[in-house]
């Protein structure tokens, strides 16, 4: 699946079954449902989940909490536009699914 295909699914009633939990979280965020995205992300206990969690707290405006989650993810604190970070995360995570 490409980023454009992923974006087209955002009008569907629910996320595609094939998505990993981090991608499901980003899917809900892409639909504007931060609470559902956060609920999914906080149940992923690896570095990828921490990265999505960091992004969500950055989007929320809770930068101190976001910094904590970026550290847990082993990632630098993002400074790009939120939409750019979202697209980069989705693109990378989709490429991992195809491996």
PDB file of N, CA and C in Angstrom:
ATOM      1  N   UNK A   1       0.856  -1.175   0.000  1.00  0.00           N
ATOM      2  CA  UNK A   1       0.000   0.000   0.000  1.00  0.00           C
ATOM      3  C   UNK A   1       0.901   1.237   0.000  1.00  0.00           C
ATOM      4  N   UNK A   2       0.504   2.228  -0.765  1.00  0.00           N
ATOM      5  CA  UNK A   2       1.238   3.485  -0.822  1.00  0.00           C
ATOM      6  C   UNK A   2       0.595   4.502   0.131  1.00  0.00           C
ATOM      7  N   UNK A   3       1.285   5.606   0.316  1.00  0.00           N
ATOM      8  CA  UNK A   3       0.733   6.681   1.138  1.00  0.00           C
ATOM      9  C   UNK A   3      -0.593   7.176   0.553  1.00  0.00           C
ATOM     10  N   UNK A   4      -0.654   7.345  -0.760  1.00  0.00           N
ATOM     11  CA  UNK A   4      -1.896   7.808  -1.383  1.00  0.00           C
ATOM     12  C   UNK A   4      -3.024   6.802  -1.186  1.00  0.00           C
ATOM     13  N   UNK A   5      -2.730   5.524  -1.315  1.00  0.00           N
ATOM     14  CA  UNK A   5      -3.752   4.498  -1.076  1.00  0.00           C
ATOM     15  C   UNK A   5      -4.206   4.530   0.382  1.00  0.00           C
ATOM     16  N   UNK A   6      -3.253   4.691   1.295  1.00  0.00           N
ATOM     17  CA  UNK A   6      -3.585   4.788   2.715  1.00  0.00           C
ATOM     18  C   UNK A   6      -4.514   5.973   2.945  1.00  0.00           C
ATOM     19  N   UNK A   7      -4.175   7.105   2.361  1.00  0.00           N
ATOM     20  CA  UNK A   7      -5.014   8.306   2.524  1.00  0.00           C
ATOM     21  C   UNK A   7      -6.427   8.068   2.002  1.00  0.00           C
ATOM     22  N   UNK A   8      -6.545   7.328   0.907  1.00  0.00           N
ATOM     23  CA  UNK A   8      -7.882   7.066   0.353  1.00  0.00           C
ATOM     24  C   UNK A   8      -8.721   6.210   1.303  1.00  0.00           C
ATOM     25  N   UNK A   9      -8.099   5.392   2.128  1.00  0.00           N
ATOM     26  CA  UNK A   9      -8.868   4.557   3.062  1.00  0.00           C
ATOM     27  C   UNK A   9      -9.452   5.378   4.209  1.00  0.00           C
ATOM     28  N   UNK A  10      -8.995   6.610   4.373  1.00  0.00           N
ATOM     29  CA  UNK A  10      -9.468   7.430   5.489  1.00  0.00           C
ATOM     30  C   UNK A  10     -10.959   7.760   5.385  1.00  0.00           C
ATOM     31  N   UNK A  11     -11.548   7.535   4.238  1.00  0.00           N
ATOM     32  CA  UNK A  11     -12.992   7.752   4.088  1.00  0.00           C
ATOM     33  C   UNK A  11     -13.785   6.479   4.378  1.00  0.00           C
ATOM     34  N   UNK A  12     -13.108   5.361   4.569  1.00  0.00           N
ATOM     35  CA  UNK A  12     -13.781   4.102   4.878  1.00  0.00           C
ATOM     36  C   UNK A  12     -14.303   4.118   6.311  1.00  0.00           C
ATOM     37  N   UNK A  13     -15.218   3.218   6.602  1.00  0.00           N
ATOM     38  CA  UNK A  13     -15.825   3.154   7.936  1.00  0.00           C
ATOM     39  C   UNK A  13     -14.823   2.738   9.008  1.00  0.00           C
ATOM     40  N   UNK A  14     -13.832   1.965   8.644  1.00  0.00           N
ATOM     41  CA  UNK A  14     -12.830   1.513   9.600  1.00  0.00           C
ATOM     42  C   UNK A  14     -11.503   1.292   8.895  1.00  0.00           C
ATOM     43  N   UNK A  15     -10.446   1.115   9.670  1.00  0.00           N
ATOM     44  CA  UNK A  15      -9.126   0.917   9.054  1.00  0.00           C
ATOM     45  C   UNK A  15      -9.040  -0.437   8.362  1.00  0.00           C
ATOM     46  N   UNK A  16      -8.209  -0.538   7.335  1.00  0.00           N
ATOM     47  CA  UNK A  16      -7.998  -1.835   6.687  1.00  0.00           C
ATOM     48  C   UNK A  16      -7.505  -2.867   7.703  1.00  0.00           C
ATOM     49  N   UNK A  17      -7.975  -4.080   7.560  1.00  0.00           N
ATOM     50  CA  UNK A  17      -7.614  -5.157   8.490  1.00  0.00           C
ATOM     51  C   UNK A  17      -6.109  -5.435   8.510  1.00  0.00           C
ATOM     52  N   UNK A  18      -5.438  -5.181   7.404  1.00  0.00           N
ATOM     53  CA  UNK A  18      -4.020  -5.529   7.281  1.00  0.00           C
ATOM     54  C   UNK A  18      -3.083  -4.569   8.022  1.00  0.00           C
ATOM     55  N   UNK A  19      -3.604  -3.481   8.559  1.00  0.00           N
ATOM     56  CA  UNK A  19      -2.733  -2.487   9.201  1.00  0.00           C
ATOM     57  C   UNK A  19      -2.221  -2.970  10.551  1.00  0.00           C
ATOM     58  N   UNK A  20      -0.964  -2.663  10.816  1.00  0.00           N
ATOM     59  CA  UNK A  20      -0.393  -2.902  12.139  1.00  0.00           C
ATOM     60  C   UNK A  20      -1.002  -1.892  13.113  1.00  0.00           C
ATOM     61  N   UNK A  21      -0.835  -2.126  14.395  1.00  0.00           N
ATOM     62  CA  UNK A  21      -1.393  -1.212  15.399  1.00  0.00           C
ATOM     63  C   UNK A  21      -0.871   0.218  15.236  1.00  0.00           C
ATOM     64  N   UNK A  22       0.437   0.439  15.022  1.00  0.00           N
ATOM     65  CA  UNK A  22       0.895   1.823  14.826  1.00  0.00           C
ATOM     66  C   UNK A  22       0.239   2.488  13.610  1.00  0.00           C
ATOM     67  N   UNK A  23       0.062   1.741  12.531  1.00  0.00           N
ATOM     68  CA  UNK A  23      -0.607   2.302  11.359  1.00  0.00           C
ATOM     69  C   UNK A  23      -2.086   2.549  11.631  1.00  0.00           C
ATOM     70  N   UNK A  24      -2.721   1.688  12.417  1.00  0.00           N
ATOM     71  CA  UNK A  24      -4.118   1.939  12.800  1.00  0.00           C
ATOM     72  C   UNK A  24      -4.218   3.238  13.594  1.00  0.00           C
ATOM     73  N   UNK A  25      -3.272   3.453  14.504  1.00  0.00           N
ATOM     74  CA  UNK A  25      -3.279   4.698  15.279  1.00  0.00           C
ATOM     75  C   UNK A  25      -3.158   5.906  14.352  1.00  0.00           C
ATOM     76  N   UNK A  26      -2.257   5.829  13.387  1.00  0.00           N
ATOM     77  CA  UNK A  26      -2.083   6.931  12.443  1.00  0.00           C
ATOM     78  C   UNK A  26      -3.299   7.070  11.527  1.00  0.00           C
ATOM     79  N   UNK A  27      -3.975   5.958  11.242  1.00  0.00           N
ATOM     80  CA  UNK A  27      -5.201   6.006  10.452  1.00  0.00           C
ATOM     81  C   UNK A  27      -6.270   6.811  11.206  1.00  0.00           C
ATOM     82  N   UNK A  28      -6.464   6.485  12.481  1.00  0.00           N
ATOM     83  CA  UNK A  28      -7.450   7.231  13.269  1.00  0.00           C
ATOM     84  C   UNK A  28      -7.062   8.706  13.373  1.00  0.00           C
ATOM     85  N   UNK A  29      -5.781   8.975  13.561  1.00  0.00           N
ATOM     86  CA  UNK A  29      -5.334  10.366  13.608  1.00  0.00           C
ATOM     87  C   UNK A  29      -5.617  11.063  12.281  1.00  0.00           C
ATOM     88  N   UNK A  30      -5.375  10.372  11.183  1.00  0.00           N
ATOM     89  CA  UNK A  30      -5.633  10.941   9.864  1.00  0.00           C
ATOM     90  C   UNK A  30      -7.098  11.289   9.645  1.00  0.00           C
ATOM     91  N   UNK A  31      -7.965  10.635  10.378  1.00  0.00           N
ATOM     92  CA  UNK A  31      -9.406  10.926  10.309  1.00  0.00           C
ATOM     93  C   UNK A  31      -9.818  11.983  11.332  1.00  0.00           C
ATOM     94  N   UNK A  32      -8.852  12.443  12.119  1.00  0.00           N
ATOM     95  CA  UNK A  32      -9.157  13.478  13.106  1.00  0.00           C
ATOM     96  C   UNK A  32      -9.614  12.937  14.446  1.00  0.00           C
ATOM     97  N   UNK A  33      -9.427  11.645  14.686  1.00  0.00           N
ATOM     98  CA  UNK A  33      -9.850  11.026  15.945  1.00  0.00           C
ATOM     99  C   UNK A  33      -8.622  10.801  16.826  1.00  0.00           C
ATOM    100  N   UNK A  34      -8.138  11.884  17.444  1.00  0.00           N
ATOM    101  CA  UNK A  34      -6.933  11.819  18.275  1.00  0.00           C
ATOM    102  C   UNK A  34      -7.112  10.846  19.439  1.00  0.00           C
ATOM    103  N   UNK A  35      -8.262  10.850  20.058  1.00  0.00           N
ATOM    104  CA  UNK A  35      -8.471   9.980  21.224  1.00  0.00           C
ATOM    105  C   UNK A  35      -8.350   8.513  20.862  1.00  0.00           C
ATOM    106  N   UNK A  36      -8.962   8.092  19.768  1.00  0.00           N
ATOM    107  CA  UNK A  36      -8.856   6.689  19.344  1.00  0.00           C
ATOM    108  C   UNK A  36      -7.423   6.377  18.928  1.00  0.00           C
ATOM    109  N   UNK A  37      -6.779   7.308  18.242  1.00  0.00           N
ATOM    110  CA  UNK A  37      -5.382   7.113  17.841  1.00  0.00           C
ATOM    111  C   UNK A  37      -4.504   6.908  19.067  1.00  0.00           C
ATOM    112  N   UNK A  38      -4.699   7.726  20.079  1.00  0.00           N
ATOM    113  CA  UNK A  38      -3.912   7.623  21.307  1.00  0.00           C
ATOM    114  C   UNK A  38      -4.202   6.302  22.014  1.00  0.00           C
ATOM    115  N   UNK A  39      -5.456   5.902  22.039  1.00  0.00           N
ATOM    116  CA  UNK A  39      -5.830   4.641  22.684  1.00  0.00           C
ATOM    117  C   UNK A  39      -5.108   3.462  22.035  1.00  0.00           C
ATOM    118  N   UNK A  40      -5.037   3.460  20.722  1.00  0.00           N
ATOM    119  CA  UNK A  40      -4.345   2.380  20.003  1.00  0.00           C
ATOM    120  C   UNK A  40      -2.839   2.466  20.258  1.00  0.00           C
ATOM    121  N   UNK A  41      -2.270   3.657  20.142  1.00  0.00           N
ATOM    122  CA  UNK A  41      -0.814   3.833  20.263  1.00  0.00           C
ATOM    123  C   UNK A  41      -0.303   3.466  21.646  1.00  0.00           C
ATOM    124  N   UNK A  42      -1.047   3.790  22.677  1.00  0.00           N
ATOM    125  CA  UNK A  42      -0.527   3.542  24.024  1.00  0.00           C
ATOM    126  C   UNK A  42      -0.482   2.057  24.369  1.00  0.00           C
ATOM    127  N   UNK A  43      -1.119   1.225  23.552  1.00  0.00           N
ATOM    128  CA  UNK A  43      -1.057  -0.217  23.782  1.00  0.00           C
ATOM    129  C   UNK A  43       0.075  -0.894  23.029  1.00  0.00           C
ATOM    130  N   UNK A  44       0.839  -0.133  22.241  1.00  0.00           N
ATOM    131  CA  UNK A  44       1.969  -0.688  21.487  1.00  0.00           C
ATOM    132  C   UNK A  44       3.233  -0.414  22.289  1.00  0.00           C
ATOM    133  N   UNK A  45       3.836  -1.463  22.794  1.00  0.00           N
ATOM    134  CA  UNK A  45       4.933  -1.300  23.746  1.00  0.00           C
ATOM    135  C   UNK A  45       6.314  -1.483  23.130  1.00  0.00           C
ATOM    136  N   UNK A  46       6.496  -0.976  21.909  1.00  0.00           N
ATOM    137  CA  UNK A  46       7.818  -1.023  21.303  1.00  0.00           C
ATOM    138  C   UNK A  46       8.204   0.375  20.829  1.00  0.00           C
ATOM    139  N   UNK A  47       9.357   0.479  20.190  1.00  0.00           N
ATOM    140  CA  UNK A  47       9.851   1.789  19.764  1.00  0.00           C
ATOM    141  C   UNK A  47       8.935   2.449  18.740  1.00  0.00           C
ATOM    142  N   UNK A  48       8.325   1.652  17.884  1.00  0.00           N
ATOM    143  CA  UNK A  48       7.415   2.222  16.894  1.00  0.00           C
ATOM    144  C   UNK A  48       6.189   2.810  17.579  1.00  0.00           C
ATOM    145  N   UNK A  49       5.647   2.096  18.535  1.00  0.00           N
ATOM    146  CA  UNK A  49       4.517   2.622  19.290  1.00  0.00           C
ATOM    147  C   UNK A  49       4.889   3.888  20.035  1.00  0.00           C
ATOM    148  N   UNK A  50       6.096   3.923  20.583  1.00  0.00           N
ATOM    149  CA  UNK A  50       6.556   5.124  21.292  1.00  0.00           C
ATOM    150  C   UNK A  50       6.675   6.303  20.332  1.00  0.00           C
ATOM    151  N   UNK A  51       7.117   6.047  19.113  1.00  0.00           N
ATOM    152  CA  UNK A  51       7.245   7.106  18.115  1.00  0.00           C
ATOM    153  C   UNK A  51       5.870   7.688  17.759  1.00  0.00           C
ATOM    154  N   UNK A  52       4.906   6.809  17.519  1.00  0.00           N
ATOM    155  CA  UNK A  52       3.551   7.289  17.214  1.00  0.00           C
ATOM    156  C   UNK A  52       2.991   8.044  18.412  1.00  0.00           C
ATOM    157  N   UNK A  53       3.232   7.518  19.593  1.00  0.00           N
ATOM    158  CA  UNK A  53       2.773   8.158  20.826  1.00  0.00           C
ATOM    159  C   UNK A  53       3.395   9.550  20.956  1.00  0.00           C
ATOM    160  N   UNK A  54       4.676   9.667  20.640  1.00  0.00           N
ATOM    161  CA  UNK A  54       5.371  10.960  20.689  1.00  0.00           C
ATOM    162  C   UNK A  54       4.723  11.957  19.736  1.00  0.00           C
ATOM    163  N   UNK A  55       4.508  11.512  18.511  1.00  0.00           N
ATOM    164  CA  UNK A  55       3.864  12.374  17.508  1.00  0.00           C
ATOM    165  C   UNK A  55       2.505  12.869  18.016  1.00  0.00           C
ATOM    166  N   UNK A  56       1.721  11.954  18.572  1.00  0.00           N
ATOM    167  CA  UNK A  56       0.378  12.333  19.035  1.00  0.00           C
ATOM    168  C   UNK A  56       0.435  13.371  20.158  1.00  0.00           C
ATOM    169  N   UNK A  57       1.386  13.217  21.083  1.00  0.00           N
ATOM    170  CA  UNK A  57       1.491  14.216  22.152  1.00  0.00           C
ATOM    171  C   UNK A  57       2.039  15.538  21.635  1.00  0.00           C
ATOM    172  N   UNK A  58       2.897  15.472  20.629  1.00  0.00           N
ATOM    173  CA  UNK A  58       3.359  16.713  19.993  1.00  0.00           C
ATOM    174  C   UNK A  58       2.176  17.417  19.337  1.00  0.00           C
ATOM    175  N   UNK A  59       1.355  16.659  18.656  1.00  0.00           N
ATOM    176  CA  UNK A  59       0.169  17.232  18.014  1.00  0.00           C
ATOM    177  C   UNK A  59      -0.777  17.824  19.047  1.00  0.00           C
ATOM    178  N   UNK A  60      -0.892  17.159  20.173  1.00  0.00           N
ATOM    179  CA  UNK A  60      -1.755  17.625  21.259  1.00  0.00           C
ATOM    180  C   UNK A  60      -1.239  18.932  21.853  1.00  0.00           C
ATOM    181  N   UNK A  61       0.066  19.167  21.711  1.00  0.00           N
ATOM    182  CA  UNK A  61       0.679  20.355  22.287  1.00  0.00           C
ATOM    183  C   UNK A  61       1.365  20.089  23.607  1.00  0.00           C
ATOM    184  N   UNK A  62       1.427  18.825  24.013  1.00  0.00           N
ATOM    185  CA  UNK A  62       2.084  18.424  25.259  1.00  0.00           C
ATOM    186  C   UNK A  62       3.537  18.064  24.939  1.00  0.00           C
ATOM    187  N   UNK A  63       4.358  19.089  24.753  1.00  0.00           N
ATOM    188  CA  UNK A  63       5.723  18.874  24.269  1.00  0.00           C
ATOM    189  C   UNK A  63       6.606  18.130  25.257  1.00  0.00           C
ATOM    190  N   UNK A  64       6.414  18.344  26.542  1.00  0.00           N
ATOM    191  CA  UNK A  64       7.215  17.629  27.532  1.00  0.00           C
ATOM    192  C   UNK A  64       6.938  16.121  27.449  1.00  0.00           C
ATOM    193  N   UNK A  65       5.682  15.757  27.351  1.00  0.00           N
ATOM    194  CA  UNK A  65       5.320  14.346  27.220  1.00  0.00           C
ATOM    195  C   UNK A  65       5.821  13.804  25.884  1.00  0.00           C
ATOM    196  N   UNK A  66       5.701  14.586  24.829  1.00  0.00           N
ATOM    197  CA  UNK A  66       6.188  14.162  23.516  1.00  0.00           C
ATOM    198  C   UNK A  66       7.688  13.884  23.568  1.00  0.00           C
ATOM    199  N   UNK A  67       8.455  14.762  24.206  1.00  0.00           N
ATOM    200  CA  UNK A  67       9.904  14.563  24.308  1.00  0.00           C
ATOM    201  C   UNK A  67      10.227  13.242  25.000  1.00  0.00           C
ATOM    202  N   UNK A  68       9.486  12.918  26.043  1.00  0.00           N
ATOM    203  CA  UNK A  68       9.681  11.642  26.741  1.00  0.00           C
ATOM    204  C   UNK A  68       9.484  10.480  25.772  1.00  0.00           C
ATOM    205  N   UNK A  69       8.417  10.515  24.982  1.00  0.00           N
ATOM    206  CA  UNK A  69       8.122   9.407  24.067  1.00  0.00           C
ATOM    207  C   UNK A  69       9.103   9.360  22.898  1.00  0.00           C
ATOM    208  N   UNK A  70       9.579  10.511  22.430  1.00  0.00           N
ATOM    209  CA  UNK A  70      10.623  10.479  21.403  1.00  0.00           C
ATOM    210  C   UNK A  70      11.874   9.790  21.950  1.00  0.00           C
ATOM    211  N   UNK A  71      12.229  10.094  23.200  1.00  0.00           N
ATOM    212  CA  UNK A  71      13.390   9.419  23.812  1.00  0.00           C
ATOM    213  C   UNK A  71      13.149   7.914  23.864  1.00  0.00           C
ATOM    214  N   UNK A  72      11.973   7.481  24.289  1.00  0.00           N
ATOM    215  CA  UNK A  72      11.645   6.051  24.352  1.00  0.00           C
ATOM    216  C   UNK A  72      11.720   5.402  22.966  1.00  0.00           C
ATOM    217  N   UNK A  73      11.404   6.177  21.948  1.00  0.00           N
ATOM    218  CA  UNK A  73      11.442   5.663  20.580  1.00  0.00           C
ATOM    219  C   UNK A  73      12.849   5.676  19.998  1.00  0.00           C
ATOM    220  N   UNK A  74      13.782   6.370  20.679  1.00  0.00           N
ATOM    221  CA  UNK A  74      15.128   6.504  20.138  1.00  0.00           C
ATOM    222  C   UNK A  74      15.186   7.451  18.955  1.00  0.00           C
ATOM    223  N   UNK A  75      14.276   8.422  18.935  1.00  0.00           N
ATOM    224  CA  UNK A  75      14.170   9.370  17.826  1.00  0.00           C
ATOM    225  C   UNK A  75      14.415  10.785  18.342  1.00  0.00           C
ATOM    226  N   UNK A  76      14.970  11.649  17.488  1.00  0.00           N
ATOM    227  CA  UNK A  76      15.066  13.061  17.879  1.00  0.00           C
ATOM    228  C   UNK A  76      13.667  13.672  17.897  1.00  0.00           C
ATOM    229  N   UNK A  77      13.498  14.699  18.694  1.00  0.00           N
ATOM    230  CA  UNK A  77      12.211  15.399  18.723  1.00  0.00           C
ATOM    231  C   UNK A  77      11.989  16.035  17.353  1.00  0.00           C
ATOM    232  N   UNK A  78      10.858  15.751  16.771  1.00  0.00           N
ATOM    233  CA  UNK A  78      10.551  16.257  15.430  1.00  0.00           C
ATOM    234  C   UNK A  78      10.330  17.764  15.466  1.00  0.00           C
ATOM    235  N   UNK A  79      10.766  18.403  14.417  1.00  0.00           N
ATOM    236  CA  UNK A  79      10.544  19.847  14.274  1.00  0.00           C
ATOM    237  C   UNK A  79       9.834  20.163  12.968  1.00  0.00           C
ATOM    238  N   UNK A  80       9.596  19.146  12.153  1.00  0.00           N
ATOM    239  CA  UNK A  80       8.900  19.356  10.879  1.00  0.00           C
ATOM    240  C   UNK A  80       7.418  19.621  11.138  1.00  0.00           C
ATOM    241  N   UNK A  81       6.719  20.019  10.102  1.00  0.00           N
ATOM    242  CA  UNK A  81       5.276  20.199  10.211  1.00  0.00           C
ATOM    243  C   UNK A  81       4.641  18.866  10.601  1.00  0.00           C
ATOM    244  N   UNK A  82       3.592  18.929  11.392  1.00  0.00           N
ATOM    245  CA  UNK A  82       2.916  17.709  11.836  1.00  0.00           C
ATOM    246  C   UNK A  82       2.459  16.852  10.661  1.00  0.00           C
ATOM    247  N   UNK A  83       1.909  17.475   9.629  1.00  0.00           N
ATOM    248  CA  UNK A  83       1.459  16.716   8.454  1.00  0.00           C
ATOM    249  C   UNK A  83       2.626  16.003   7.782  1.00  0.00           C
ATOM    250  N   UNK A  84       3.780  16.642   7.758  1.00  0.00           N
ATOM    251  CA  UNK A  84       4.963  16.018   7.163  1.00  0.00           C
ATOM    252  C   UNK A  84       5.439  14.837   7.995  1.00  0.00           C
ATOM    253  N   UNK A  85       5.420  14.993   9.317  1.00  0.00           N
ATOM    254  CA  UNK A  85       5.834  13.882  10.174  1.00  0.00           C
ATOM    255  C   UNK A  85       4.870  12.711  10.011  1.00  0.00           C
ATOM    256  N   UNK A  86       3.574  12.993  10.000  1.00  0.00           N
ATOM    257  CA  UNK A  86       2.569  11.948   9.824  1.00  0.00           C
ATOM    258  C   UNK A  86       2.817  11.183   8.518  1.00  0.00           C
ATOM    259  N   UNK A  87       3.003  11.910   7.426  1.00  0.00           N
ATOM    260  CA  UNK A  87       3.214  11.276   6.125  1.00  0.00           C
ATOM    261  C   UNK A  87       4.493  10.451   6.107  1.00  0.00           C
ATOM    262  N   UNK A  88       5.548  10.952   6.717  1.00  0.00           N
ATOM    263  CA  UNK A  88       6.815  10.212   6.765  1.00  0.00           C
ATOM    264  C   UNK A  88       6.666   8.936   7.584  1.00  0.00           C
ATOM    265  N   UNK A  89       5.953   9.021   8.697  1.00  0.00           N
ATOM    266  CA  UNK A  89       5.739   7.840   9.535  1.00  0.00           C
ATOM    267  C   UNK A  89       4.918   6.798   8.791  1.00  0.00           C
ATOM    268  N   UNK A  90       3.820   7.228   8.180  1.00  0.00           N
ATOM    269  CA  UNK A  90       2.968   6.294   7.439  1.00  0.00           C
ATOM    270  C   UNK A  90       3.767   5.635   6.323  1.00  0.00           C
ATOM    271  N   UNK A  91       4.513   6.429   5.574  1.00  0.00           N
ATOM    272  CA  UNK A  91       5.302   5.893   4.459  1.00  0.00           C
ATOM    273  C   UNK A  91       6.300   4.848   4.943  1.00  0.00           C
ATOM    274  N   UNK A  92       7.032   5.166   6.006  1.00  0.00           N
ATOM    275  CA  UNK A  92       8.020   4.218   6.528  1.00  0.00           C
ATOM    276  C   UNK A  92       7.350   2.951   7.048  1.00  0.00           C
ATOM    277  N   UNK A  93       6.288   3.106   7.815  1.00  0.00           N
ATOM    278  CA  UNK A  93       5.625   1.929   8.389  1.00  0.00           C
ATOM    279  C   UNK A  93       4.969   1.065   7.321  1.00  0.00           C
ATOM    280  N   UNK A  94       4.442   1.689   6.281  1.00  0.00           N
ATOM    281  CA  UNK A  94       3.894   0.896   5.160  1.00  0.00           C
ATOM    282  C   UNK A  94       4.995   0.120   4.447  1.00  0.00           C
ATOM    283  N   UNK A  95       6.176   0.704   4.334  1.00  0.00           N
ATOM    284  CA  UNK A  95       7.274   0.005   3.659  1.00  0.00           C
ATOM    285  C   UNK A  95       7.717  -1.216   4.450  1.00  0.00           C
ATOM    286  N   UNK A  96       7.553  -1.174   5.751  1.00  0.00           N
ATOM    287  CA  UNK A  96       7.904  -2.312   6.601  1.00  0.00           C
ATOM    288  C   UNK A  96       6.888  -3.445   6.443  1.00  0.00           C
ATOM    289  N   UNK A  97       5.655  -3.116   6.174  1.00  0.00           N
ATOM    290  CA  UNK A  97       4.599  -4.127   6.002  1.00  0.00           C
ATOM    291  C   UNK A  97       4.865  -4.910   4.730  1.00  0.00           C
ATOM    292  N   UNK A  98       5.357  -4.242   3.703  1.00  0.00           N
ATOM    293  CA  UNK A  98       5.601  -4.897   2.414  1.00  0.00           C
ATOM    294  C   UNK A  98       6.851  -5.772   2.413  1.00  0.00           C
ATOM    295  N   UNK A  99       7.686  -5.644   3.439  1.00  0.00           N
ATOM    296  CA  UNK A  99       8.944  -6.432   3.476  1.00  0.00           C
ATOM    297  C   UNK A  99       8.667  -7.912   3.619  1.00  0.00           C
TER     298      UNK A  99
END
